[in-house]
Amino acid sequence: MTSPNESRWRGHHRFTFKVPEKMTNEDAATFFCAGVTTYNPLKTHNVGPGSKVGIVGIGGLGHFGIQFAKVALGAEVYAISSSDRKKEDAKALGAHHYLVSSGTADMKKHTKTLTHILCTSFGTDFPWAFYLSLLRTNGKFILVGLPEAPISGIRAGPLVSRQISIVGSIIGSPRTIREMLEFAVEKGVKPWIQKYPMADVNVALKAMHEGKARYRFVLEN
């Protein structure tokens, strides 16, 4: 897989990956960033049957997160978004529940419910205390998205009393990437992609900035 301005790439063999026979190249292209960014922390933090996982942000990363957590690892998944616009998509991806983050009453019903939160996106004035209240004792809040502003407004009390952890995660090792590709084929994890010819790269970029991606754009030569 090369960047858009390259037709060939030469590098160390440790950083090359064989695409599984049952995976198309266009699908494979989307796994090397968004796929492993969500797979790695879910696997590292022992998500599996019995886990209740909140996926914050239903976009390029979030749509992988739902599938890996539910379809591949067997967790109960709560998709969390700022509006109900992506509810049907989230359910189609495998989410058991859909929460609108602005719906205070609905969110409060799930206080101390989740074992993990995988946060892929941050709005302005992110309500840290509110999201952390969704975690049960020993819960983990996993950052894979990057907030623009420094983290603030977190009280130490809930972290200490319920032994909550806030952790970060970035992509994964070559070994993890190879494992993820085979695991995705085995479990049927597939990206939702929209393909554009390379000549329409600016059209794709405009659509991406307008939030129209559902959920990964792939450029083709």
N, C-alpha and C. Protein backbone atom coordinates (compact mmCIF):
# COMPACT_ATOMS: atom_id res chain seq x y z
N MET A 1 0.85 -1.18 0.00
CA MET A 1 0.00 0.00 0.00
C MET A 1 0.90 1.24 0.00
N THR A 2 0.67 2.15 -0.90
CA THR A 2 1.50 3.34 -1.02
C THR A 2 0.68 4.57 -0.73
N SER A 3 1.38 5.67 -0.46
CA SER A 3 0.66 6.92 -0.27
C SER A 3 0.22 7.44 -1.64
N PRO A 4 -0.71 8.41 -1.68
CA PRO A 4 -1.31 8.81 -2.96
C PRO A 4 -0.34 9.32 -4.01
N ASN A 5 0.86 9.79 -3.59
CA ASN A 5 1.78 10.35 -4.57
C ASN A 5 2.83 9.34 -5.02
N GLU A 6 2.63 8.05 -4.71
CA GLU A 6 3.62 7.04 -5.06
C GLU A 6 2.97 5.90 -5.84
N SER A 7 3.71 5.34 -6.79
CA SER A 7 3.25 4.13 -7.47
C SER A 7 3.97 2.90 -6.95
N ARG A 8 5.16 3.11 -6.33
CA ARG A 8 5.92 2.01 -5.75
C ARG A 8 6.57 2.49 -4.46
N TRP A 9 6.89 1.54 -3.62
CA TRP A 9 7.54 1.86 -2.35
C TRP A 9 8.54 0.77 -2.02
N ARG A 10 9.71 1.16 -1.53
CA ARG A 10 10.72 0.19 -1.14
C ARG A 10 11.04 0.40 0.33
N GLY A 11 10.98 -0.68 1.10
CA GLY A 11 11.25 -0.56 2.52
C GLY A 11 11.67 -1.89 3.10
N HIS A 12 11.95 -1.88 4.39
CA HIS A 12 12.38 -3.09 5.08
C HIS A 12 11.24 -4.10 5.11
N HIS A 13 11.59 -5.38 4.95
CA HIS A 13 10.56 -6.42 4.86
C HIS A 13 9.71 -6.52 6.12
N ARG A 14 10.26 -6.08 7.26
CA ARG A 14 9.48 -6.15 8.51
C ARG A 14 8.25 -5.25 8.46
N PHE A 15 8.27 -4.28 7.56
CA PHE A 15 7.15 -3.34 7.48
C PHE A 15 6.32 -3.55 6.22
N THR A 16 6.35 -4.76 5.71
CA THR A 16 5.48 -5.13 4.60
C THR A 16 4.53 -6.23 5.09
N PHE A 17 3.36 -6.28 4.49
CA PHE A 17 2.34 -7.19 4.98
C PHE A 17 1.63 -7.86 3.80
N LYS A 18 1.52 -9.15 3.87
CA LYS A 18 0.80 -9.88 2.84
C LYS A 18 -0.70 -9.75 3.07
N VAL A 19 -1.40 -9.33 2.04
CA VAL A 19 -2.86 -9.21 2.14
C VAL A 19 -3.46 -10.61 2.05
N PRO A 20 -4.31 -11.00 3.00
CA PRO A 20 -4.94 -12.32 2.94
C PRO A 20 -5.68 -12.53 1.62
N GLU A 21 -5.69 -13.76 1.14
CA GLU A 21 -6.30 -14.06 -0.15
C GLU A 21 -7.78 -13.67 -0.21
N LYS A 22 -8.47 -13.77 0.91
CA LYS A 22 -9.91 -13.49 0.91
C LYS A 22 -10.22 -12.02 1.20
N MET A 23 -9.21 -11.17 1.18
CA MET A 23 -9.41 -9.74 1.41
C MET A 23 -9.01 -8.97 0.16
N THR A 24 -9.86 -8.07 -0.29
CA THR A 24 -9.53 -7.26 -1.47
C THR A 24 -8.52 -6.19 -1.10
N ASN A 25 -7.79 -5.71 -2.09
CA ASN A 25 -6.81 -4.66 -1.85
C ASN A 25 -7.46 -3.38 -1.32
N GLU A 26 -8.63 -3.05 -1.88
CA GLU A 26 -9.27 -1.81 -1.43
C GLU A 26 -9.74 -1.91 0.02
N ASP A 27 -10.19 -3.08 0.44
CA ASP A 27 -10.53 -3.26 1.85
C ASP A 27 -9.28 -3.23 2.71
N ALA A 28 -8.24 -3.93 2.26
CA ALA A 28 -7.00 -4.01 3.04
C ALA A 28 -6.41 -2.63 3.30
N ALA A 29 -6.51 -1.73 2.32
CA ALA A 29 -5.91 -0.40 2.46
C ALA A 29 -6.43 0.34 3.68
N THR A 30 -7.65 0.04 4.11
CA THR A 30 -8.26 0.79 5.21
C THR A 30 -7.88 0.25 6.58
N PHE A 31 -7.32 -0.95 6.63
CA PHE A 31 -7.02 -1.58 7.92
C PHE A 31 -5.73 -1.08 8.55
N PHE A 32 -4.80 -0.57 7.75
CA PHE A 32 -3.45 -0.30 8.26
C PHE A 32 -3.37 0.92 9.17
N CYS A 33 -4.39 1.73 9.18
CA CYS A 33 -4.45 2.83 10.14
C CYS A 33 -5.67 2.65 11.04
N ALA A 34 -6.85 2.90 10.50
CA ALA A 34 -8.07 2.86 11.31
C ALA A 34 -8.32 1.48 11.90
N GLY A 35 -8.05 0.43 11.13
CA GLY A 35 -8.31 -0.92 11.62
C GLY A 35 -7.46 -1.27 12.82
N VAL A 36 -6.15 -1.15 12.68
CA VAL A 36 -5.27 -1.55 13.78
C VAL A 36 -5.34 -0.57 14.94
N THR A 37 -5.68 0.69 14.67
CA THR A 37 -5.81 1.66 15.76
C THR A 37 -6.92 1.28 16.72
N THR A 38 -7.95 0.61 16.22
CA THR A 38 -9.04 0.17 17.10
C THR A 38 -8.85 -1.27 17.57
N TYR A 39 -8.32 -2.13 16.72
CA TYR A 39 -8.13 -3.53 17.12
C TYR A 39 -7.12 -3.66 18.26
N ASN A 40 -6.00 -2.97 18.15
CA ASN A 40 -4.91 -3.13 19.11
C ASN A 40 -5.34 -2.85 20.55
N PRO A 41 -5.96 -1.70 20.86
CA PRO A 41 -6.33 -1.45 22.26
C PRO A 41 -7.42 -2.39 22.78
N LEU A 42 -8.36 -2.77 21.92
CA LEU A 42 -9.40 -3.69 22.36
C LEU A 42 -8.80 -5.03 22.76
N LYS A 43 -7.84 -5.51 21.97
CA LYS A 43 -7.17 -6.77 22.28
C LYS A 43 -6.25 -6.61 23.50
N THR A 44 -5.50 -5.52 23.54
CA THR A 44 -4.56 -5.29 24.64
C THR A 44 -5.27 -5.24 25.99
N HIS A 45 -6.45 -4.62 26.01
CA HIS A 45 -7.18 -4.44 27.27
C HIS A 45 -8.25 -5.51 27.49
N ASN A 46 -8.05 -6.64 26.83
CA ASN A 46 -8.81 -7.87 27.14
C ASN A 46 -10.32 -7.74 26.94
N VAL A 47 -10.73 -7.04 25.90
CA VAL A 47 -12.15 -7.00 25.56
C VAL A 47 -12.57 -8.38 25.04
N GLY A 48 -13.71 -8.85 25.51
CA GLY A 48 -14.20 -10.15 25.08
C GLY A 48 -15.61 -10.39 25.59
N PRO A 49 -16.10 -11.62 25.52
CA PRO A 49 -17.44 -11.92 26.04
C PRO A 49 -17.57 -11.47 27.49
N GLY A 50 -18.66 -10.78 27.79
CA GLY A 50 -18.86 -10.23 29.12
C GLY A 50 -18.47 -8.77 29.24
N SER A 51 -17.65 -8.27 28.31
CA SER A 51 -17.28 -6.85 28.30
C SER A 51 -18.44 -6.02 27.77
N LYS A 52 -18.56 -4.80 28.30
CA LYS A 52 -19.52 -3.83 27.79
C LYS A 52 -18.73 -2.61 27.35
N VAL A 53 -18.68 -2.42 26.04
CA VAL A 53 -17.76 -1.45 25.45
C VAL A 53 -18.51 -0.29 24.81
N GLY A 54 -18.16 0.92 25.21
CA GLY A 54 -18.69 2.12 24.57
C GLY A 54 -17.74 2.58 23.48
N ILE A 55 -18.25 2.80 22.29
CA ILE A 55 -17.46 3.34 21.18
C ILE A 55 -17.92 4.77 20.95
N VAL A 56 -17.07 5.74 21.26
CA VAL A 56 -17.42 7.16 21.12
C VAL A 56 -16.96 7.65 19.75
N GLY A 57 -17.91 8.08 18.93
CA GLY A 57 -17.60 8.55 17.59
C GLY A 57 -17.80 7.46 16.57
N ILE A 58 -18.80 7.62 15.71
CA ILE A 58 -19.10 6.61 14.69
C ILE A 58 -18.60 7.13 13.35
N GLY A 59 -17.31 7.00 13.14
CA GLY A 59 -16.68 7.44 11.90
C GLY A 59 -15.77 6.36 11.37
N GLY A 60 -14.67 6.77 10.74
CA GLY A 60 -13.76 5.80 10.17
C GLY A 60 -13.19 4.84 11.20
N LEU A 61 -12.78 5.36 12.36
CA LEU A 61 -12.29 4.50 13.42
C LEU A 61 -13.43 3.79 14.14
N GLY A 62 -14.47 4.54 14.47
CA GLY A 62 -15.57 3.97 15.24
C GLY A 62 -16.26 2.82 14.55
N HIS A 63 -16.38 2.87 13.23
CA HIS A 63 -17.08 1.79 12.54
C HIS A 63 -16.26 0.50 12.57
N PHE A 64 -14.93 0.63 12.66
CA PHE A 64 -14.10 -0.54 12.90
C PHE A 64 -14.21 -1.00 14.35
N GLY A 65 -14.22 -0.02 15.27
CA GLY A 65 -14.29 -0.36 16.69
C GLY A 65 -15.52 -1.18 17.04
N ILE A 66 -16.67 -0.79 16.49
CA ILE A 66 -17.90 -1.55 16.73
C ILE A 66 -17.75 -2.98 16.26
N GLN A 67 -17.23 -3.14 15.05
CA GLN A 67 -17.11 -4.49 14.49
C GLN A 67 -16.11 -5.36 15.25
N PHE A 68 -14.95 -4.80 15.57
CA PHE A 68 -13.97 -5.60 16.29
C PHE A 68 -14.48 -5.97 17.69
N ALA A 69 -15.11 -5.01 18.37
CA ALA A 69 -15.58 -5.28 19.73
C ALA A 69 -16.69 -6.32 19.75
N LYS A 70 -17.65 -6.19 18.83
CA LYS A 70 -18.82 -7.07 18.86
C LYS A 70 -18.64 -8.31 18.00
N VAL A 71 -18.42 -8.11 16.72
CA VAL A 71 -18.38 -9.23 15.79
C VAL A 71 -17.19 -10.14 16.06
N ALA A 72 -16.02 -9.55 16.30
CA ALA A 72 -14.81 -10.34 16.42
C ALA A 72 -14.52 -10.79 17.85
N LEU A 73 -14.78 -9.93 18.84
CA LEU A 73 -14.38 -10.23 20.21
C LEU A 73 -15.54 -10.60 21.12
N GLY A 74 -16.77 -10.43 20.66
CA GLY A 74 -17.93 -10.91 21.41
C GLY A 74 -18.41 -10.04 22.54
N ALA A 75 -18.06 -8.75 22.54
CA ALA A 75 -18.49 -7.84 23.60
C ALA A 75 -19.89 -7.29 23.32
N GLU A 76 -20.50 -6.72 24.34
CA GLU A 76 -21.75 -5.97 24.18
C GLU A 76 -21.35 -4.53 23.89
N VAL A 77 -21.86 -3.98 22.79
CA VAL A 77 -21.36 -2.70 22.29
C VAL A 77 -22.41 -1.60 22.40
N TYR A 78 -21.96 -0.46 22.93
CA TYR A 78 -22.77 0.75 23.04
C TYR A 78 -22.15 1.80 22.12
N ALA A 79 -22.79 2.09 21.00
CA ALA A 79 -22.32 3.14 20.10
C ALA A 79 -22.78 4.48 20.66
N ILE A 80 -21.86 5.45 20.74
CA ILE A 80 -22.17 6.75 21.33
C ILE A 80 -21.81 7.84 20.32
N SER A 81 -22.81 8.65 19.95
CA SER A 81 -22.60 9.70 18.97
C SER A 81 -23.35 10.96 19.40
N SER A 82 -23.05 12.07 18.74
CA SER A 82 -23.62 13.36 19.15
C SER A 82 -25.05 13.56 18.68
N SER A 83 -25.52 12.72 17.75
CA SER A 83 -26.90 12.81 17.27
C SER A 83 -27.36 11.41 16.89
N ASP A 84 -28.63 11.28 16.51
CA ASP A 84 -29.13 9.96 16.11
C ASP A 84 -28.96 9.70 14.61
N ARG A 85 -28.18 10.57 13.94
CA ARG A 85 -28.01 10.50 12.49
C ARG A 85 -27.40 9.17 12.03
N LYS A 86 -26.56 8.56 12.86
CA LYS A 86 -25.87 7.34 12.45
C LYS A 86 -26.39 6.10 13.18
N LYS A 87 -27.57 6.22 13.75
CA LYS A 87 -28.11 5.11 14.54
C LYS A 87 -28.27 3.84 13.72
N GLU A 88 -28.87 3.95 12.54
CA GLU A 88 -29.10 2.76 11.73
C GLU A 88 -27.78 2.15 11.26
N ASP A 89 -26.81 3.00 10.94
CA ASP A 89 -25.50 2.49 10.54
C ASP A 89 -24.86 1.72 11.70
N ALA A 90 -24.93 2.30 12.89
CA ALA A 90 -24.32 1.65 14.06
C ALA A 90 -24.94 0.28 14.32
N LYS A 91 -26.25 0.21 14.20
CA LYS A 91 -26.93 -1.07 14.41
C LYS A 91 -26.53 -2.08 13.32
N ALA A 92 -26.42 -1.60 12.07
CA ALA A 92 -26.01 -2.48 10.98
C ALA A 92 -24.59 -2.99 11.17
N LEU A 93 -23.74 -2.18 11.79
CA LEU A 93 -22.36 -2.59 12.05
C LEU A 93 -22.27 -3.59 13.20
N GLY A 94 -23.32 -3.66 14.01
CA GLY A 94 -23.34 -4.65 15.09
C GLY A 94 -23.56 -4.12 16.48
N ALA A 95 -23.73 -2.79 16.64
CA ALA A 95 -23.94 -2.24 17.98
C ALA A 95 -25.25 -2.75 18.58
N HIS A 96 -25.19 -3.10 19.86
CA HIS A 96 -26.40 -3.54 20.57
C HIS A 96 -27.23 -2.35 21.04
N HIS A 97 -26.55 -1.25 21.36
CA HIS A 97 -27.21 -0.07 21.91
C HIS A 97 -26.68 1.18 21.21
N TYR A 98 -27.50 2.23 21.19
CA TYR A 98 -27.08 3.50 20.59
C TYR A 98 -27.44 4.62 21.55
N LEU A 99 -26.44 5.38 21.98
CA LEU A 99 -26.66 6.47 22.91
C LEU A 99 -26.31 7.79 22.25
N VAL A 100 -27.18 8.78 22.42
CA VAL A 100 -26.91 10.14 21.93
C VAL A 100 -26.29 10.91 23.09
N SER A 101 -25.07 11.39 22.88
CA SER A 101 -24.31 11.99 23.98
C SER A 101 -24.97 13.24 24.55
N SER A 102 -25.80 13.92 23.74
CA SER A 102 -26.49 15.11 24.25
C SER A 102 -27.77 14.75 25.00
N GLY A 103 -28.15 13.49 24.96
CA GLY A 103 -29.36 13.05 25.66
C GLY A 103 -29.04 12.68 27.10
N THR A 104 -29.01 13.67 27.97
CA THR A 104 -28.53 13.49 29.34
C THR A 104 -29.27 12.38 30.08
N ALA A 105 -30.59 12.37 29.99
CA ALA A 105 -31.38 11.37 30.73
C ALA A 105 -31.04 9.96 30.26
N ASP A 106 -30.92 9.79 28.94
CA ASP A 106 -30.62 8.47 28.39
C ASP A 106 -29.23 8.01 28.81
N MET A 107 -28.28 8.94 28.81
CA MET A 107 -26.92 8.59 29.20
C MET A 107 -26.84 8.22 30.67
N LYS A 108 -27.59 8.94 31.51
CA LYS A 108 -27.53 8.68 32.95
C LYS A 108 -28.04 7.29 33.30
N LYS A 109 -28.89 6.72 32.45
CA LYS A 109 -29.38 5.36 32.71
C LYS A 109 -28.24 4.34 32.71
N HIS A 110 -27.14 4.72 32.07
CA HIS A 110 -26.03 3.77 31.90
C HIS A 110 -24.83 4.11 32.78
N THR A 111 -25.06 4.88 33.84
CA THR A 111 -24.00 5.18 34.80
C THR A 111 -23.43 3.89 35.37
N LYS A 112 -22.11 3.81 35.43
CA LYS A 112 -21.39 2.65 35.98
C LYS A 112 -21.76 1.34 35.27
N THR A 113 -21.93 1.43 33.95
CA THR A 113 -22.32 0.26 33.16
C THR A 113 -21.16 -0.34 32.38
N LEU A 114 -20.31 0.50 31.81
CA LEU A 114 -19.32 0.04 30.83
C LEU A 114 -18.02 -0.44 31.46
N THR A 115 -17.44 -1.46 30.86
CA THR A 115 -16.12 -1.91 31.28
C THR A 115 -15.01 -1.16 30.55
N HIS A 116 -15.31 -0.72 29.33
CA HIS A 116 -14.33 -0.01 28.50
C HIS A 116 -15.05 1.09 27.71
N ILE A 117 -14.34 2.18 27.48
CA ILE A 117 -14.76 3.18 26.49
C ILE A 117 -13.60 3.38 25.54
N LEU A 118 -13.87 3.21 24.24
CA LEU A 118 -12.88 3.51 23.21
C LEU A 118 -13.30 4.82 22.56
N CYS A 119 -12.52 5.87 22.80
CA CYS A 119 -12.91 7.21 22.35
C CYS A 119 -12.13 7.58 21.10
N THR A 120 -12.85 7.70 19.98
CA THR A 120 -12.22 7.97 18.70
C THR A 120 -12.32 9.43 18.27
N SER A 121 -13.16 10.21 18.95
CA SER A 121 -13.33 11.61 18.55
C SER A 121 -13.70 12.46 19.75
N PHE A 122 -13.40 13.74 19.64
CA PHE A 122 -13.66 14.68 20.72
C PHE A 122 -14.31 15.93 20.15
N GLY A 123 -15.42 16.35 20.76
CA GLY A 123 -16.01 17.64 20.41
C GLY A 123 -15.40 18.71 21.30
N THR A 124 -15.80 19.94 21.09
CA THR A 124 -15.34 21.02 21.96
C THR A 124 -15.99 20.85 23.33
N ASP A 125 -15.27 21.25 24.37
CA ASP A 125 -15.77 21.13 25.75
C ASP A 125 -16.21 19.70 26.06
N PHE A 126 -15.34 18.77 25.77
CA PHE A 126 -15.64 17.35 25.98
C PHE A 126 -15.98 17.10 27.45
N PRO A 127 -17.14 16.51 27.76
CA PRO A 127 -17.57 16.32 29.15
C PRO A 127 -16.92 15.09 29.80
N TRP A 128 -15.69 15.24 30.19
CA TRP A 128 -14.93 14.11 30.74
C TRP A 128 -15.65 13.45 31.91
N ALA A 129 -16.09 14.25 32.85
CA ALA A 129 -16.71 13.68 34.05
C ALA A 129 -17.92 12.83 33.70
N PHE A 130 -18.68 13.28 32.72
CA PHE A 130 -19.89 12.57 32.33
C PHE A 130 -19.54 11.21 31.71
N TYR A 131 -18.55 11.20 30.82
CA TYR A 131 -18.15 9.94 30.19
C TYR A 131 -17.54 8.98 31.21
N LEU A 132 -16.71 9.50 32.10
CA LEU A 132 -16.10 8.63 33.10
C LEU A 132 -17.13 8.03 34.04
N SER A 133 -18.26 8.74 34.20
CA SER A 133 -19.32 8.21 35.07
C SER A 133 -19.98 6.96 34.48
N LEU A 134 -19.80 6.74 33.17
CA LEU A 134 -20.38 5.55 32.54
C LEU A 134 -19.59 4.28 32.86
N LEU A 135 -18.35 4.46 33.34
CA LEU A 135 -17.49 3.30 33.59
C LEU A 135 -17.74 2.71 34.96
N ARG A 136 -17.74 1.40 35.01
CA ARG A 136 -17.87 0.70 36.29
C ARG A 136 -16.48 0.61 36.95
N THR A 137 -16.42 0.05 38.14
CA THR A 137 -15.16 -0.12 38.85
C THR A 137 -14.16 -0.89 37.98
N ASN A 138 -12.92 -0.42 37.97
CA ASN A 138 -11.82 -0.97 37.16
C ASN A 138 -12.02 -0.73 35.66
N GLY A 139 -12.90 0.21 35.30
CA GLY A 139 -13.13 0.52 33.90
C GLY A 139 -11.94 1.22 33.26
N LYS A 140 -11.89 1.14 31.93
CA LYS A 140 -10.79 1.77 31.19
C LYS A 140 -11.35 2.72 30.13
N PHE A 141 -10.82 3.94 30.14
CA PHE A 141 -11.14 4.93 29.11
C PHE A 141 -9.92 4.98 28.19
N ILE A 142 -10.11 4.55 26.94
CA ILE A 142 -8.99 4.39 26.01
C ILE A 142 -9.05 5.47 24.94
N LEU A 143 -7.99 6.27 24.87
CA LEU A 143 -7.90 7.35 23.89
C LEU A 143 -7.20 6.86 22.63
N VAL A 144 -7.88 6.97 21.50
CA VAL A 144 -7.21 6.78 20.21
C VAL A 144 -7.37 8.03 19.35
N GLY A 145 -8.39 8.83 19.63
CA GLY A 145 -8.51 10.15 19.02
C GLY A 145 -7.72 11.14 19.85
N LEU A 146 -7.36 12.26 19.25
CA LEU A 146 -6.55 13.26 19.95
C LEU A 146 -7.35 14.54 20.16
N PRO A 147 -7.66 14.90 21.41
CA PRO A 147 -8.36 16.17 21.65
C PRO A 147 -7.45 17.34 21.29
N GLU A 148 -8.05 18.39 20.74
CA GLU A 148 -7.25 19.56 20.36
C GLU A 148 -6.76 20.32 21.58
N ALA A 149 -7.57 20.36 22.62
CA ALA A 149 -7.21 21.11 23.83
C ALA A 149 -6.63 20.17 24.88
N PRO A 150 -5.82 20.70 25.80
CA PRO A 150 -5.32 19.86 26.89
C PRO A 150 -6.47 19.28 27.71
N ILE A 151 -6.25 18.10 28.24
CA ILE A 151 -7.28 17.46 29.06
C ILE A 151 -7.42 18.21 30.37
N SER A 152 -8.64 18.58 30.71
CA SER A 152 -8.88 19.29 31.97
C SER A 152 -10.27 18.92 32.47
N GLY A 153 -10.55 19.29 33.71
CA GLY A 153 -11.88 19.07 34.27
C GLY A 153 -12.11 17.68 34.80
N ILE A 154 -11.04 16.92 35.03
CA ILE A 154 -11.19 15.57 35.57
C ILE A 154 -10.92 15.59 37.07
N ARG A 155 -11.87 15.13 37.84
CA ARG A 155 -11.70 15.05 39.29
C ARG A 155 -11.06 13.70 39.64
N ALA A 156 -10.14 13.73 40.58
CA ALA A 156 -9.41 12.51 40.94
C ALA A 156 -10.28 11.52 41.71
N GLY A 157 -11.29 12.01 42.42
CA GLY A 157 -12.10 11.15 43.27
C GLY A 157 -12.63 9.90 42.59
N PRO A 158 -13.37 10.05 41.47
CA PRO A 158 -13.91 8.86 40.79
C PRO A 158 -12.82 7.92 40.26
N LEU A 159 -11.70 8.49 39.81
CA LEU A 159 -10.61 7.65 39.31
C LEU A 159 -10.08 6.76 40.42
N VAL A 160 -9.93 7.34 41.61
CA VAL A 160 -9.38 6.59 42.74
C VAL A 160 -10.40 5.62 43.31
N SER A 161 -11.61 6.12 43.58
CA SER A 161 -12.60 5.29 44.27
C SER A 161 -13.06 4.10 43.43
N ARG A 162 -13.10 4.29 42.08
CA ARG A 162 -13.54 3.19 41.22
C ARG A 162 -12.38 2.59 40.42
N GLN A 163 -11.16 3.02 40.73
CA GLN A 163 -9.96 2.48 40.09
C GLN A 163 -10.06 2.53 38.57
N ILE A 164 -10.49 3.69 38.07
CA ILE A 164 -10.64 3.89 36.62
C ILE A 164 -9.29 4.28 36.02
N SER A 165 -8.99 3.75 34.86
CA SER A 165 -7.75 4.07 34.15
C SER A 165 -8.06 4.86 32.88
N ILE A 166 -7.25 5.87 32.61
CA ILE A 166 -7.29 6.59 31.34
C ILE A 166 -5.99 6.26 30.62
N VAL A 167 -6.10 5.63 29.46
CA VAL A 167 -4.91 5.17 28.75
C VAL A 167 -4.97 5.60 27.29
N GLY A 168 -3.82 5.63 26.66
CA GLY A 168 -3.75 5.95 25.24
C GLY A 168 -3.26 4.75 24.45
N SER A 169 -3.51 4.79 23.14
CA SER A 169 -3.05 3.71 22.27
C SER A 169 -2.83 4.27 20.88
N ILE A 170 -1.76 3.82 20.23
CA ILE A 170 -1.48 4.28 18.87
C ILE A 170 -1.14 3.09 17.98
N ILE A 171 -1.82 2.97 16.90
CA ILE A 171 -1.71 1.89 15.90
C ILE A 171 -1.30 0.56 16.54
N GLY A 172 -0.32 -0.16 15.97
CA GLY A 172 0.08 -1.45 16.51
C GLY A 172 1.35 -1.93 15.85
N SER A 173 1.93 -2.98 16.40
CA SER A 173 3.18 -3.53 15.88
C SER A 173 2.93 -4.29 14.58
N PRO A 174 3.99 -4.56 13.80
CA PRO A 174 3.82 -5.39 12.61
C PRO A 174 3.16 -6.73 12.92
N ARG A 175 3.53 -7.33 14.02
CA ARG A 175 2.92 -8.61 14.41
C ARG A 175 1.42 -8.44 14.64
N THR A 176 1.04 -7.37 15.31
CA THR A 176 -0.37 -7.11 15.58
C THR A 176 -1.14 -6.87 14.29
N ILE A 177 -0.52 -6.15 13.35
CA ILE A 177 -1.18 -5.88 12.07
C ILE A 177 -1.44 -7.18 11.31
N ARG A 178 -0.45 -8.05 11.26
CA ARG A 178 -0.65 -9.34 10.58
C ARG A 178 -1.75 -10.16 11.25
N GLU A 179 -1.73 -10.17 12.57
CA GLU A 179 -2.76 -10.88 13.32
C GLU A 179 -4.14 -10.31 13.03
N MET A 180 -4.23 -8.97 13.00
CA MET A 180 -5.51 -8.31 12.75
C MET A 180 -6.07 -8.67 11.38
N LEU A 181 -5.23 -8.67 10.35
CA LEU A 181 -5.71 -8.96 9.00
C LEU A 181 -6.32 -10.36 8.92
N GLU A 182 -5.63 -11.34 9.49
CA GLU A 182 -6.16 -12.71 9.47
C GLU A 182 -7.42 -12.81 10.32
N PHE A 183 -7.42 -12.13 11.45
CA PHE A 183 -8.57 -12.16 12.36
C PHE A 183 -9.79 -11.53 11.70
N ALA A 184 -9.57 -10.44 10.96
CA ALA A 184 -10.68 -9.75 10.28
C ALA A 184 -11.32 -10.66 9.24
N VAL A 185 -10.50 -11.39 8.49
CA VAL A 185 -11.03 -12.33 7.50
C VAL A 185 -11.81 -13.44 8.19
N GLU A 186 -11.23 -13.98 9.25
CA GLU A 186 -11.87 -15.09 9.97
C GLU A 186 -13.22 -14.69 10.55
N LYS A 187 -13.31 -13.47 11.10
CA LYS A 187 -14.52 -13.04 11.81
C LYS A 187 -15.48 -12.22 10.94
N GLY A 188 -15.06 -11.90 9.72
CA GLY A 188 -15.95 -11.16 8.83
C GLY A 188 -16.02 -9.67 9.09
N VAL A 189 -14.93 -9.09 9.58
CA VAL A 189 -14.88 -7.64 9.77
C VAL A 189 -14.56 -6.99 8.43
N LYS A 190 -15.46 -6.13 7.96
CA LYS A 190 -15.27 -5.49 6.65
C LYS A 190 -15.50 -3.99 6.77
N PRO A 191 -14.61 -3.21 6.16
CA PRO A 191 -14.82 -1.76 6.16
C PRO A 191 -15.95 -1.36 5.23
N TRP A 192 -16.61 -0.27 5.56
CA TRP A 192 -17.56 0.34 4.63
C TRP A 192 -16.75 1.37 3.85
N ILE A 193 -16.63 1.16 2.56
CA ILE A 193 -15.76 2.04 1.77
C ILE A 193 -16.52 2.70 0.63
N GLN A 194 -15.99 3.85 0.21
CA GLN A 194 -16.44 4.55 -0.99
C GLN A 194 -15.20 4.79 -1.83
N LYS A 195 -15.24 4.36 -3.09
CA LYS A 195 -14.07 4.45 -3.95
C LYS A 195 -14.14 5.67 -4.88
N TYR A 196 -12.98 6.32 -5.03
CA TYR A 196 -12.85 7.45 -5.95
C TYR A 196 -11.65 7.21 -6.86
N PRO A 197 -11.74 7.58 -8.14
CA PRO A 197 -10.53 7.56 -8.97
C PRO A 197 -9.56 8.62 -8.46
N MET A 198 -8.27 8.37 -8.66
CA MET A 198 -7.26 9.30 -8.16
C MET A 198 -7.48 10.72 -8.69
N ALA A 199 -8.02 10.83 -9.90
CA ALA A 199 -8.25 12.15 -10.49
C ALA A 199 -9.26 12.96 -9.68
N ASP A 200 -10.08 12.28 -8.89
CA ASP A 200 -11.09 12.97 -8.09
C ASP A 200 -10.68 13.13 -6.64
N VAL A 201 -9.38 13.15 -6.38
CA VAL A 201 -8.90 13.24 -5.00
C VAL A 201 -9.45 14.48 -4.30
N ASN A 202 -9.55 15.61 -5.02
CA ASN A 202 -10.06 16.82 -4.39
C ASN A 202 -11.54 16.72 -4.06
N VAL A 203 -12.27 15.99 -4.88
CA VAL A 203 -13.69 15.74 -4.59
C VAL A 203 -13.81 14.93 -3.31
N ALA A 204 -12.96 13.91 -3.18
CA ALA A 204 -12.98 13.06 -1.99
C ALA A 204 -12.60 13.85 -0.75
N LEU A 205 -11.58 14.71 -0.87
CA LEU A 205 -11.15 15.52 0.27
C LEU A 205 -12.26 16.46 0.72
N LYS A 206 -12.94 17.07 -0.24
CA LYS A 206 -14.04 17.98 0.10
C LYS A 206 -15.15 17.22 0.83
N ALA A 207 -15.49 16.04 0.31
CA ALA A 207 -16.53 15.24 0.96
C ALA A 207 -16.11 14.82 2.36
N MET A 208 -14.83 14.51 2.53
CA MET A 208 -14.34 14.11 3.85
C MET A 208 -14.45 15.25 4.85
N HIS A 209 -14.03 16.46 4.42
CA HIS A 209 -14.10 17.62 5.31
C HIS A 209 -15.54 18.00 5.64
N GLU A 210 -16.46 17.63 4.78
CA GLU A 210 -17.88 17.90 5.02
C GLU A 210 -18.55 16.80 5.84
N GLY A 211 -17.76 15.81 6.27
CA GLY A 211 -18.28 14.74 7.10
C GLY A 211 -19.14 13.74 6.36
N LYS A 212 -18.91 13.57 5.07
CA LYS A 212 -19.76 12.69 4.26
C LYS A 212 -19.19 11.28 4.08
N ALA A 213 -18.03 11.00 4.65
CA ALA A 213 -17.43 9.68 4.48
C ALA A 213 -18.25 8.63 5.21
N ARG A 214 -18.56 7.51 4.53
CA ARG A 214 -19.24 6.38 5.16
C ARG A 214 -18.54 5.09 4.76
N TYR A 215 -17.43 4.66 5.37
CA TYR A 215 -16.77 5.38 6.45
C TYR A 215 -15.28 5.51 6.16
N ARG A 216 -14.84 4.97 5.03
CA ARG A 216 -13.47 5.12 4.57
C ARG A 216 -13.49 5.40 3.08
N PHE A 217 -12.74 6.42 2.66
CA PHE A 217 -12.55 6.68 1.24
C PHE A 217 -11.31 5.94 0.75
N VAL A 218 -11.41 5.35 -0.43
CA VAL A 218 -10.28 4.66 -1.05
C VAL A 218 -10.05 5.27 -2.42
N LEU A 219 -8.81 5.71 -2.68
CA LEU A 219 -8.45 6.27 -3.98
C LEU A 219 -7.86 5.18 -4.85
N GLU A 220 -8.29 5.13 -6.12
CA GLU A 220 -7.83 4.09 -7.04
C GLU A 220 -7.09 4.70 -8.22
N ASN A 221 -5.98 4.07 -8.61
CA ASN A 221 -5.27 4.47 -9.83
C ASN A 221 -5.96 3.83 -11.03
